[in-house]
Amino acid sequence: MIRIICVLSLMALAACGADGEPVQPHGGVSIGIGSGGVHAGGTVGVSRGPLAVGVSLF
């Protein structure tokens, strides 16, 4: 069991940064007030180079 844990730990350590810099997440929160009341919204996403992927939460 110890050997398996050691091998998995070494594999995880070797994989860190294997394909470049880690991808940084970004997020945002917005609150708006209008005639219909208060509106809240949020987004979460990641970007790397020209590619960006995001999800709207509210």
PDB file of N, CA and C in Angstrom:
ATOM      1  N   MET A   1       0.828  -1.193   0.000  1.00  0.00           N
ATOM      2  CA  MET A   1       0.000   0.000   0.000  1.00  0.00           C
ATOM      3  C   MET A   1       0.868   1.250   0.000  1.00  0.00           C
ATOM      4  N   ILE A   2       1.947   1.236   0.757  1.00  0.00           N
ATOM      5  CA  ILE A   2       2.853   2.389   0.807  1.00  0.00           C
ATOM      6  C   ILE A   2       3.480   2.620  -0.568  1.00  0.00           C
ATOM      7  N   ARG A   3       3.826   1.554  -1.269  1.00  0.00           N
ATOM      8  CA  ARG A   3       4.431   1.711  -2.600  1.00  0.00           C
ATOM      9  C   ARG A   3       3.455   2.380  -3.564  1.00  0.00           C
ATOM     10  N   ILE A   4       2.201   1.977  -3.499  1.00  0.00           N
ATOM     11  CA  ILE A   4       1.201   2.571  -4.386  1.00  0.00           C
ATOM     12  C   ILE A   4       1.061   4.061  -4.098  1.00  0.00           C
ATOM     13  N   ILE A   5       1.006   4.429  -2.846  1.00  0.00           N
ATOM     14  CA  ILE A   5       0.886   5.845  -2.470  1.00  0.00           C
ATOM     15  C   ILE A   5       2.117   6.617  -2.930  1.00  0.00           C
ATOM     16  N   CYS A   6       3.295   6.051  -2.768  1.00  0.00           N
ATOM     17  CA  CYS A   6       4.524   6.726  -3.210  1.00  0.00           C
ATOM     18  C   CYS A   6       4.545   6.911  -4.721  1.00  0.00           C
ATOM     19  N   VAL A   7       4.154   5.885  -5.470  1.00  0.00           N
ATOM     20  CA  VAL A   7       4.152   5.983  -6.930  1.00  0.00           C
ATOM     21  C   VAL A   7       3.130   7.023  -7.385  1.00  0.00           C
ATOM     22  N   LEU A   8       1.936   7.015  -6.808  1.00  0.00           N
ATOM     23  CA  LEU A   8       0.919   8.005  -7.174  1.00  0.00           C
ATOM     24  C   LEU A   8       1.364   9.423  -6.820  1.00  0.00           C
ATOM     25  N   SER A   9       2.041   9.581  -5.686  1.00  0.00           N
ATOM     26  CA  SER A   9       2.544  10.899  -5.291  1.00  0.00           C
ATOM     27  C   SER A   9       3.597  11.392  -6.268  1.00  0.00           C
ATOM     28  N   LEU A  10       4.497  10.522  -6.681  1.00  0.00           N
ATOM     29  CA  LEU A  10       5.529  10.913  -7.647  1.00  0.00           C
ATOM     30  C   LEU A  10       4.928  11.237  -9.004  1.00  0.00           C
ATOM     31  N   MET A  11       3.915  10.482  -9.422  1.00  0.00           N
ATOM     32  CA  MET A  11       3.258  10.769 -10.699  1.00  0.00           C
ATOM     33  C   MET A  11       2.549  12.120 -10.656  1.00  0.00           C
ATOM     34  N   ALA A  12       1.884  12.420  -9.549  1.00  0.00           N
ATOM     35  CA  ALA A  12       1.204  13.708  -9.411  1.00  0.00           C
ATOM     36  C   ALA A  12       2.204  14.854  -9.398  1.00  0.00           C
ATOM     37  N   LEU A  13       3.321  14.665  -8.726  1.00  0.00           N
ATOM     38  CA  LEU A  13       4.354  15.701  -8.681  1.00  0.00           C
ATOM     39  C   LEU A  13       4.966  15.921 -10.053  1.00  0.00           C
ATOM     40  N   ALA A  14       5.183  14.847 -10.794  1.00  0.00           N
ATOM     41  CA  ALA A  14       5.756  14.973 -12.134  1.00  0.00           C
ATOM     42  C   ALA A  14       4.785  15.646 -13.097  1.00  0.00           C
ATOM     43  N   ALA A  15       3.495  15.478 -12.874  1.00  0.00           N
ATOM     44  CA  ALA A  15       2.497  16.060 -13.774  1.00  0.00           C
ATOM     45  C   ALA A  15       2.283  17.547 -13.532  1.00  0.00           C
ATOM     46  N   CYS A  16       2.727  18.074 -12.419  1.00  0.00           N
ATOM     47  CA  CYS A  16       2.549  19.504 -12.127  1.00  0.00           C
ATOM     48  C   CYS A  16       3.341  20.335 -13.125  1.00  0.00           C
ATOM     49  N   GLY A  17       2.649  21.147 -13.878  1.00  0.00           N
ATOM     50  CA  GLY A  17       3.312  22.009 -14.846  1.00  0.00           C
ATOM     51  C   GLY A  17       3.809  21.289 -16.075  1.00  0.00           C
ATOM     52  N   ALA A  18       3.356  20.062 -16.308  1.00  0.00           N
ATOM     53  CA  ALA A  18       3.831  19.299 -17.451  1.00  0.00           C
ATOM     54  C   ALA A  18       3.385  19.916 -18.769  1.00  0.00           C
ATOM     55  N   ASP A  19       2.254  20.578 -18.793  1.00  0.00           N
ATOM     56  CA  ASP A  19       1.757  21.171 -20.030  1.00  0.00           C
ATOM     57  C   ASP A  19       1.693  22.693 -19.955  1.00  0.00           C
ATOM     58  N   GLY A  20       2.587  23.302 -19.224  1.00  0.00           N
ATOM     59  CA  GLY A  20       2.650  24.751 -19.154  1.00  0.00           C
ATOM     60  C   GLY A  20       2.108  25.287 -17.848  1.00  0.00           C
ATOM     61  N   GLU A  21       1.805  26.568 -17.869  1.00  0.00           N
ATOM     62  CA  GLU A  21       1.299  27.229 -16.675  1.00  0.00           C
ATOM     63  C   GLU A  21      -0.097  26.720 -16.335  1.00  0.00           C
ATOM     64  N   PRO A  22      -0.453  26.722 -15.052  1.00  0.00           N
ATOM     65  CA  PRO A  22      -1.815  26.324 -14.689  1.00  0.00           C
ATOM     66  C   PRO A  22      -2.837  27.353 -15.169  1.00  0.00           C
ATOM     67  N   VAL A  23      -4.035  26.895 -15.422  1.00  0.00           N
ATOM     68  CA  VAL A  23      -5.106  27.761 -15.903  1.00  0.00           C
ATOM     69  C   VAL A  23      -5.699  28.505 -14.713  1.00  0.00           C
ATOM     70  N   GLN A  24      -5.814  29.813 -14.834  1.00  0.00           N
ATOM     71  CA  GLN A  24      -6.344  30.644 -13.756  1.00  0.00           C
ATOM     72  C   GLN A  24      -7.849  30.837 -13.928  1.00  0.00           C
ATOM     73  N   PRO A  25      -8.623  30.545 -12.904  1.00  0.00           N
ATOM     74  CA  PRO A  25     -10.063  30.793 -13.000  1.00  0.00           C
ATOM     75  C   PRO A  25     -10.381  32.276 -12.786  1.00  0.00           C
ATOM     76  N   HIS A  26     -11.531  32.696 -13.261  1.00  0.00           N
ATOM     77  CA  HIS A  26     -11.989  34.064 -13.012  1.00  0.00           C
ATOM     78  C   HIS A  26     -13.492  34.023 -12.775  1.00  0.00           C
ATOM     79  N   GLY A  27     -13.988  35.002 -12.090  1.00  0.00           N
ATOM     80  CA  GLY A  27     -15.411  35.047 -11.785  1.00  0.00           C
ATOM     81  C   GLY A  27     -15.885  36.466 -11.610  1.00  0.00           C
ATOM     82  N   GLY A  28     -17.176  36.620 -11.606  1.00  0.00           N
ATOM     83  CA  GLY A  28     -17.753  37.943 -11.434  1.00  0.00           C
ATOM     84  C   GLY A  28     -19.149  37.854 -10.854  1.00  0.00           C
ATOM     85  N   VAL A  29     -19.546  38.894 -10.152  1.00  0.00           N
ATOM     86  CA  VAL A  29     -20.874  38.983  -9.552  1.00  0.00           C
ATOM     87  C   VAL A  29     -21.463  40.333  -9.937  1.00  0.00           C
ATOM     88  N   SER A  30     -22.738  40.311 -10.294  1.00  0.00           N
ATOM     89  CA  SER A  30     -23.389  41.576 -10.621  1.00  0.00           C
ATOM     90  C   SER A  30     -24.733  41.657  -9.908  1.00  0.00           C
ATOM     91  N   ILE A  31     -25.084  42.866  -9.490  1.00  0.00           N
ATOM     92  CA  ILE A  31     -26.360  43.131  -8.831  1.00  0.00           C
ATOM     93  C   ILE A  31     -26.963  44.352  -9.512  1.00  0.00           C
ATOM     94  N   GLY A  32     -28.215  44.216  -9.933  1.00  0.00           N
ATOM     95  CA  GLY A  32     -28.893  45.319 -10.601  1.00  0.00           C
ATOM     96  C   GLY A  32     -30.241  45.595  -9.980  1.00  0.00           C
ATOM     97  N   ILE A  33     -30.621  46.850 -10.009  1.00  0.00           N
ATOM     98  CA  ILE A  33     -31.919  47.263  -9.478  1.00  0.00           C
ATOM     99  C   ILE A  33     -32.691  47.905 -10.623  1.00  0.00           C
ATOM    100  N   GLY A  34     -33.886  47.402 -10.851  1.00  0.00           N
ATOM    101  CA  GLY A  34     -34.707  47.938 -11.924  1.00  0.00           C
ATOM    102  C   GLY A  34     -36.161  47.997 -11.505  1.00  0.00           C
ATOM    103  N   SER A  35     -37.023  48.271 -12.477  1.00  0.00           N
ATOM    104  CA  SER A  35     -38.450  48.364 -12.176  1.00  0.00           C
ATOM    105  C   SER A  35     -39.027  47.009 -11.773  1.00  0.00           C
ATOM    106  N   GLY A  36     -38.372  45.907 -12.161  1.00  0.00           N
ATOM    107  CA  GLY A  36     -38.835  44.573 -11.803  1.00  0.00           C
ATOM    108  C   GLY A  36     -38.283  44.078 -10.484  1.00  0.00           C
ATOM    109  N   GLY A  37     -37.457  44.859  -9.833  1.00  0.00           N
ATOM    110  CA  GLY A  37     -36.883  44.463  -8.550  1.00  0.00           C
ATOM    111  C   GLY A  37     -35.368  44.348  -8.633  1.00  0.00           C
ATOM    112  N   VAL A  38     -34.816  43.597  -7.704  1.00  0.00           N
ATOM    113  CA  VAL A  38     -33.372  43.418  -7.620  1.00  0.00           C
ATOM    114  C   VAL A  38     -32.996  42.145  -8.377  1.00  0.00           C
ATOM    115  N   HIS A  39     -31.962  42.236  -9.202  1.00  0.00           N
ATOM    116  CA  HIS A  39     -31.489  41.105  -9.982  1.00  0.00           C
ATOM    117  C   HIS A  39     -30.046  40.809  -9.594  1.00  0.00           C
ATOM    118  N   ALA A  40     -29.741  39.546  -9.381  1.00  0.00           N
ATOM    119  CA  ALA A  40     -28.369  39.140  -9.070  1.00  0.00           C
ATOM    120  C   ALA A  40     -27.898  38.157 -10.123  1.00  0.00           C
ATOM    121  N   GLY A  41     -26.627  38.189 -10.421  1.00  0.00           N
ATOM    122  CA  GLY A  41     -26.060  37.282 -11.412  1.00  0.00           C
ATOM    123  C   GLY A  41     -24.609  37.016 -11.118  1.00  0.00           C
ATOM    124  N   GLY A  42     -24.087  35.980 -11.714  1.00  0.00           N
ATOM    125  CA  GLY A  42     -22.684  35.654 -11.518  1.00  0.00           C
ATOM    126  C   GLY A  42     -22.152  34.802 -12.649  1.00  0.00           C
ATOM    127  N   THR A  43     -20.865  34.864 -12.854  1.00  0.00           N
ATOM    128  CA  THR A  43     -20.203  34.056 -13.876  1.00  0.00           C
ATOM    129  C   THR A  43     -18.932  33.450 -13.305  1.00  0.00           C
ATOM    130  N   VAL A  44     -18.579  32.286 -13.819  1.00  0.00           N
ATOM    131  CA  VAL A  44     -17.339  31.612 -13.472  1.00  0.00           C
ATOM    132  C   VAL A  44     -16.760  31.072 -14.761  1.00  0.00           C
ATOM    133  N   GLY A  45     -15.461  31.181 -14.926  1.00  0.00           N
ATOM    134  CA  GLY A  45     -14.849  30.681 -16.141  1.00  0.00           C
ATOM    135  C   GLY A  45     -13.348  30.571 -16.023  1.00  0.00           C
ATOM    136  N   VAL A  46     -12.753  30.058 -17.092  1.00  0.00           N
ATOM    137  CA  VAL A  46     -11.303  29.962 -17.192  1.00  0.00           C
ATOM    138  C   VAL A  46     -10.897  30.451 -18.575  1.00  0.00           C
ATOM    139  N   SER A  47      -9.693  30.971 -18.678  1.00  0.00           N
ATOM    140  CA  SER A  47      -9.183  31.400 -19.976  1.00  0.00           C
ATOM    141  C   SER A  47      -7.721  31.020 -20.082  1.00  0.00           C
ATOM    142  N   ARG A  48      -7.359  30.660 -21.306  1.00  0.00           N
ATOM    143  CA  ARG A  48      -5.971  30.328 -21.593  1.00  0.00           C
ATOM    144  C   ARG A  48      -5.695  30.740 -23.025  1.00  0.00           C
ATOM    145  N   GLY A  49      -4.882  31.747 -23.186  1.00  0.00           N
ATOM    146  CA  GLY A  49      -4.611  32.267 -24.513  1.00  0.00           C
ATOM    147  C   GLY A  49      -5.871  32.861 -25.118  1.00  0.00           C
ATOM    148  N   PRO A  50      -6.155  32.553 -26.383  1.00  0.00           N
ATOM    149  CA  PRO A  50      -7.343  33.116 -27.034  1.00  0.00           C
ATOM    150  C   PRO A  50      -8.637  32.377 -26.686  1.00  0.00           C
ATOM    151  N   LEU A  51      -8.562  31.275 -25.963  1.00  0.00           N
ATOM    152  CA  LEU A  51      -9.742  30.476 -25.641  1.00  0.00           C
ATOM    153  C   LEU A  51     -10.246  30.794 -24.235  1.00  0.00           C
ATOM    154  N   ALA A  52     -11.542  31.064 -24.112  1.00  0.00           N
ATOM    155  CA  ALA A  52     -12.163  31.338 -22.826  1.00  0.00           C
ATOM    156  C   ALA A  52     -13.461  30.547 -22.725  1.00  0.00           C
ATOM    157  N   VAL A  53     -13.694  29.928 -21.587  1.00  0.00           N
ATOM    158  CA  VAL A  53     -14.909  29.165 -21.338  1.00  0.00           C
ATOM    159  C   VAL A  53     -15.525  29.690 -20.049  1.00  0.00           C
ATOM    160  N   GLY A  54     -16.818  29.973 -20.075  1.00  0.00           N
ATOM    161  CA  GLY A  54     -17.481  30.512 -18.902  1.00  0.00           C
ATOM    162  C   GLY A  54     -18.877  29.944 -18.723  1.00  0.00           C
ATOM    163  N   VAL A  55     -19.387  30.055 -17.517  1.00  0.00           N
ATOM    164  CA  VAL A  55     -20.731  29.573 -17.185  1.00  0.00           C
ATOM    165  C   VAL A  55     -21.437  30.656 -16.384  1.00  0.00           C
ATOM    166  N   SER A  56     -22.667  30.944 -16.768  1.00  0.00           N
ATOM    167  CA  SER A  56     -23.480  31.901 -16.015  1.00  0.00           C
ATOM    168  C   SER A  56     -24.186  31.149 -14.895  1.00  0.00           C
ATOM    169  N   LEU A  57     -24.115  31.666 -13.671  1.00  0.00           N
ATOM    170  CA  LEU A  57     -24.649  30.959 -12.518  1.00  0.00           C
ATOM    171  C   LEU A  57     -26.068  31.345 -12.166  1.00  0.00           C
ATOM    172  N   PHE A  58     -26.483  32.568 -12.433  1.00  0.00           N
ATOM    173  CA  PHE A  58     -27.813  33.028 -12.011  1.00  0.00           C
ATOM    174  C   PHE A  58     -28.584  33.463 -13.224  1.00  0.00           C
TER     175      PHE A  58
END
